[in-house]
């Protein structure tokens, strides 16, 4: 499921460059400067100014970077709606293995992907 999401994001037109690196790689560590101690356990978006977002907030950042989805990201970033984005992201994240199975992704994950397969997103 995570790989399918990555492939989807890579093919969407974007406002800013979106690149993927293995989450536990030396490159990801350099980009995070040690600010994300659990790197590889959740989605991470590293911003152009050096800041980092994780989890649901990173999901909203990823949507913001994609042209067709920026309006949705701006809506979800509103304080009243961010709790719904968090709930949606948590629900999807907790079901990655199930979603991978029904989408025909081959091997089922066990709630997390290997270091080489997990990705951190940065722009």
C-alpha atoms as a PDB file:
ATOM      1  CA  UNK A   1       0.000   0.000   0.000  1.00  0.00           C
ATOM      2  CA  UNK A   2       2.772   2.438   0.902  1.00  0.00           C
ATOM      3  CA  UNK A   3       4.555   1.751  -2.384  1.00  0.00           C
ATOM      4  CA  UNK A   4       1.327   2.367  -4.295  1.00  0.00           C
ATOM      5  CA  UNK A   5       0.862   5.699  -2.502  1.00  0.00           C
ATOM      6  CA  UNK A   6       4.420   6.669  -3.363  1.00  0.00           C
ATOM      7  CA  UNK A   7       3.899   5.760  -7.027  1.00  0.00           C
ATOM      8  CA  UNK A   8       0.681   7.775  -7.076  1.00  0.00           C
ATOM      9  CA  UNK A   9       2.407  10.847  -5.609  1.00  0.00           C
ATOM     10  CA  UNK A  10       5.335  10.529  -8.023  1.00  0.00           C
ATOM     11  CA  UNK A  11       2.961  10.734 -10.991  1.00  0.00           C
ATOM     12  CA  UNK A  12       0.827  13.634  -9.776  1.00  0.00           C
ATOM     13  CA  UNK A  13       1.685  17.143 -10.997  1.00  0.00           C
ATOM     14  CA  UNK A  14       3.245  19.090  -8.136  1.00  0.00           C
ATOM     15  CA  UNK A  15       3.833  22.678  -7.086  1.00  0.00           C
ATOM     16  CA  UNK A  16       7.215  21.789  -5.609  1.00  0.00           C
ATOM     17  CA  UNK A  17       9.715  19.008  -6.193  1.00  0.00           C
ATOM     18  CA  UNK A  18       8.832  15.885  -4.230  1.00  0.00           C
ATOM     19  CA  UNK A  19      11.576  13.310  -3.784  1.00  0.00           C
ATOM     20  CA  UNK A  20      11.640  10.041  -1.874  1.00  0.00           C
ATOM     21  CA  UNK A  21      14.501   8.542   0.084  1.00  0.00           C
ATOM     22  CA  UNK A  22      14.631   5.350   2.174  1.00  0.00           C
ATOM     23  CA  UNK A  23      13.571   6.407   5.654  1.00  0.00           C
ATOM     24  CA  UNK A  24      16.440   4.847   7.579  1.00  0.00           C
ATOM     25  CA  UNK A  25      19.091   5.743   5.024  1.00  0.00           C
ATOM     26  CA  UNK A  26      22.035   8.043   5.771  1.00  0.00           C
ATOM     27  CA  UNK A  27      20.476  10.588   3.366  1.00  0.00           C
ATOM     28  CA  UNK A  28      17.242  10.670   5.368  1.00  0.00           C
ATOM     29  CA  UNK A  29      19.208  11.022   8.604  1.00  0.00           C
ATOM     30  CA  UNK A  30      21.134  13.948   7.095  1.00  0.00           C
ATOM     31  CA  UNK A  31      17.931  15.609   5.937  1.00  0.00           C
ATOM     32  CA  UNK A  32      16.332  15.278   9.384  1.00  0.00           C
ATOM     33  CA  UNK A  33      19.419  16.375  11.350  1.00  0.00           C
ATOM     34  CA  UNK A  34      18.314  14.031  14.149  1.00  0.00           C
ATOM     35  CA  UNK A  35      15.016  15.894  14.699  1.00  0.00           C
ATOM     36  CA  UNK A  36      12.884  12.808  13.954  1.00  0.00           C
ATOM     37  CA  UNK A  37      13.999  10.119  16.429  1.00  0.00           C
ATOM     38  CA  UNK A  38      11.578   7.435  15.167  1.00  0.00           C
ATOM     39  CA  UNK A  39      12.517   7.843  11.510  1.00  0.00           C
ATOM     40  CA  UNK A  40      11.032   4.963   9.553  1.00  0.00           C
ATOM     41  CA  UNK A  41       8.044   4.330  11.806  1.00  0.00           C
ATOM     42  CA  UNK A  42       5.805   6.924  10.165  1.00  0.00           C
ATOM     43  CA  UNK A  43       5.530   9.147   7.123  1.00  0.00           C
ATOM     44  CA  UNK A  44       7.955  12.083   7.335  1.00  0.00           C
ATOM     45  CA  UNK A  45       7.849  15.227   5.211  1.00  0.00           C
ATOM     46  CA  UNK A  46      10.994  17.335   5.329  1.00  0.00           C
ATOM     47  CA  UNK A  47      10.291  20.903   4.343  1.00  0.00           C
ATOM     48  CA  UNK A  48      12.406  23.263   2.283  1.00  0.00           C
ATOM     49  CA  UNK A  49      13.219  25.338   5.371  1.00  0.00           C
ATOM     50  CA  UNK A  50      14.618  22.287   7.167  1.00  0.00           C
ATOM     51  CA  UNK A  51      11.541  21.679   9.306  1.00  0.00           C
ATOM     52  CA  UNK A  52       9.894  18.273   9.461  1.00  0.00           C
ATOM     53  CA  UNK A  53       6.331  17.027   9.802  1.00  0.00           C
ATOM     54  CA  UNK A  54       5.381  13.475  10.706  1.00  0.00           C
ATOM     55  CA  UNK A  55       2.290  11.321  10.500  1.00  0.00           C
ATOM     56  CA  UNK A  56      -0.970  13.047   9.610  1.00  0.00           C
ATOM     57  CA  UNK A  57       0.648  16.456   9.310  1.00  0.00           C
ATOM     58  CA  UNK A  58       3.141  14.995   6.811  1.00  0.00           C
ATOM     59  CA  UNK A  59       0.205  13.553   4.874  1.00  0.00           C
ATOM     60  CA  UNK A  60      -1.339  17.031   4.639  1.00  0.00           C
ATOM     61  CA  UNK A  61       2.043  18.448   3.536  1.00  0.00           C
ATOM     62  CA  UNK A  62       2.229  15.816   0.789  1.00  0.00           C
ATOM     63  CA  UNK A  63      -1.254  16.746  -0.420  1.00  0.00           C
ATOM     64  CA  UNK A  64      -0.262  20.434  -0.314  1.00  0.00           C
ATOM     65  CA  UNK A  65       2.681  19.725  -2.632  1.00  0.00           C
ATOM     66  CA  UNK A  66       0.437  18.120  -5.270  1.00  0.00           C
ATOM     67  CA  UNK A  67      -1.372  20.507  -7.625  1.00  0.00           C
ATOM     68  CA  UNK A  68      -4.718  18.714  -7.782  1.00  0.00           C
ATOM     69  CA  UNK A  69      -4.863  18.261  -4.012  1.00  0.00           C
ATOM     70  CA  UNK A  70      -3.634  21.581  -2.596  1.00  0.00           C
ATOM     71  CA  UNK A  71      -7.186  22.886  -1.998  1.00  0.00           C
ATOM     72  CA  UNK A  72      -7.970  19.741   0.015  1.00  0.00           C
ATOM     73  CA  UNK A  73      -4.716  20.122   1.966  1.00  0.00           C
ATOM     74  CA  UNK A  74      -5.520  23.725   2.828  1.00  0.00           C
ATOM     75  CA  UNK A  75      -8.943  22.635   4.010  1.00  0.00           C
ATOM     76  CA  UNK A  76      -7.571  19.728   6.079  1.00  0.00           C
ATOM     77  CA  UNK A  77      -4.931  21.973   7.655  1.00  0.00           C
ATOM     78  CA  UNK A  78      -7.647  24.103   9.270  1.00  0.00           C
ATOM     79  CA  UNK A  79      -7.683  23.552  13.042  1.00  0.00           C
ATOM     80  CA  UNK A  80     -11.300  22.359  12.936  1.00  0.00           C
ATOM     81  CA  UNK A  81     -10.614  19.737  10.272  1.00  0.00           C
ATOM     82  CA  UNK A  82      -7.099  18.581  11.170  1.00  0.00           C
ATOM     83  CA  UNK A  83      -8.484  16.126  13.761  1.00  0.00           C
ATOM     84  CA  UNK A  84     -10.406  14.404  10.937  1.00  0.00           C
ATOM     85  CA  UNK A  85      -7.235  14.231   8.825  1.00  0.00           C
ATOM     86  CA  UNK A  86      -5.443  12.699  11.819  1.00  0.00           C
ATOM     87  CA  UNK A  87      -8.213  10.137  12.319  1.00  0.00           C
ATOM     88  CA  UNK A  88      -8.235   9.222   8.619  1.00  0.00           C
ATOM     89  CA  UNK A  89      -4.449   8.864   8.496  1.00  0.00           C
ATOM     90  CA  UNK A  90      -4.426   6.754  11.674  1.00  0.00           C
ATOM     91  CA  UNK A  91      -7.153   4.475  10.301  1.00  0.00           C
ATOM     92  CA  UNK A  92      -5.362   3.980   6.985  1.00  0.00           C
ATOM     93  CA  UNK A  93      -1.968   3.522   8.653  1.00  0.00           C
ATOM     94  CA  UNK A  94      -3.293   0.902  11.034  1.00  0.00           C
ATOM     95  CA  UNK A  95      -4.699  -1.078   8.096  1.00  0.00           C
ATOM     96  CA  UNK A  96      -1.704  -0.955   5.711  1.00  0.00           C
ATOM     97  CA  UNK A  97      -1.313  -4.717   5.687  1.00  0.00           C
ATOM     98  CA  UNK A  98      -5.001  -5.293   4.938  1.00  0.00           C
ATOM     99  CA  UNK A  99      -5.045  -2.612   2.230  1.00  0.00           C
ATOM    100  CA  UNK A 100      -1.944  -4.122   0.629  1.00  0.00           C
ATOM    101  CA  UNK A 101      -3.638  -7.502   0.531  1.00  0.00           C
ATOM    102  CA  UNK A 102      -6.863  -6.290  -1.067  1.00  0.00           C
ATOM    103  CA  UNK A 103      -4.958  -4.126  -3.567  1.00  0.00           C
ATOM    104  CA  UNK A 104      -2.916  -7.139  -4.638  1.00  0.00           C
ATOM    105  CA  UNK A 105       0.416  -5.767  -3.496  1.00  0.00           C
ATOM    106  CA  UNK A 106       1.893  -9.237  -3.094  1.00  0.00           C
ATOM    107  CA  UNK A 107       3.572  -9.718   0.250  1.00  0.00           C
ATOM    108  CA  UNK A 108       1.581  -8.456   3.173  1.00  0.00           C
ATOM    109  CA  UNK A 109       3.443  -6.103   5.430  1.00  0.00           C
ATOM    110  CA  UNK A 110       3.463  -6.667   9.156  1.00  0.00           C
ATOM    111  CA  UNK A 111       2.479  -3.110  10.040  1.00  0.00           C
ATOM    112  CA  UNK A 112       5.736  -1.624   8.816  1.00  0.00           C
ATOM    113  CA  UNK A 113       8.000  -1.882   5.810  1.00  0.00           C
ATOM    114  CA  UNK A 114      11.670  -2.708   5.730  1.00  0.00           C
ATOM    115  CA  UNK A 115      14.200   0.111   5.880  1.00  0.00           C
ATOM    116  CA  UNK A 116      14.783   0.065   2.135  1.00  0.00           C
ATOM    117  CA  UNK A 117      11.072   0.279   1.356  1.00  0.00           C
ATOM    118  CA  UNK A 118       9.874   2.965   3.775  1.00  0.00           C
ATOM    119  CA  UNK A 119      10.262   6.464   2.456  1.00  0.00           C
ATOM    120  CA  UNK A 120      10.625   9.931   3.813  1.00  0.00           C
ATOM    121  CA  UNK A 121       9.308  12.703   1.608  1.00  0.00           C
ATOM    122  CA  UNK A 122      11.129  15.933   1.190  1.00  0.00           C
ATOM    123  CA  UNK A 123      11.014  18.966  -1.052  1.00  0.00           C
END
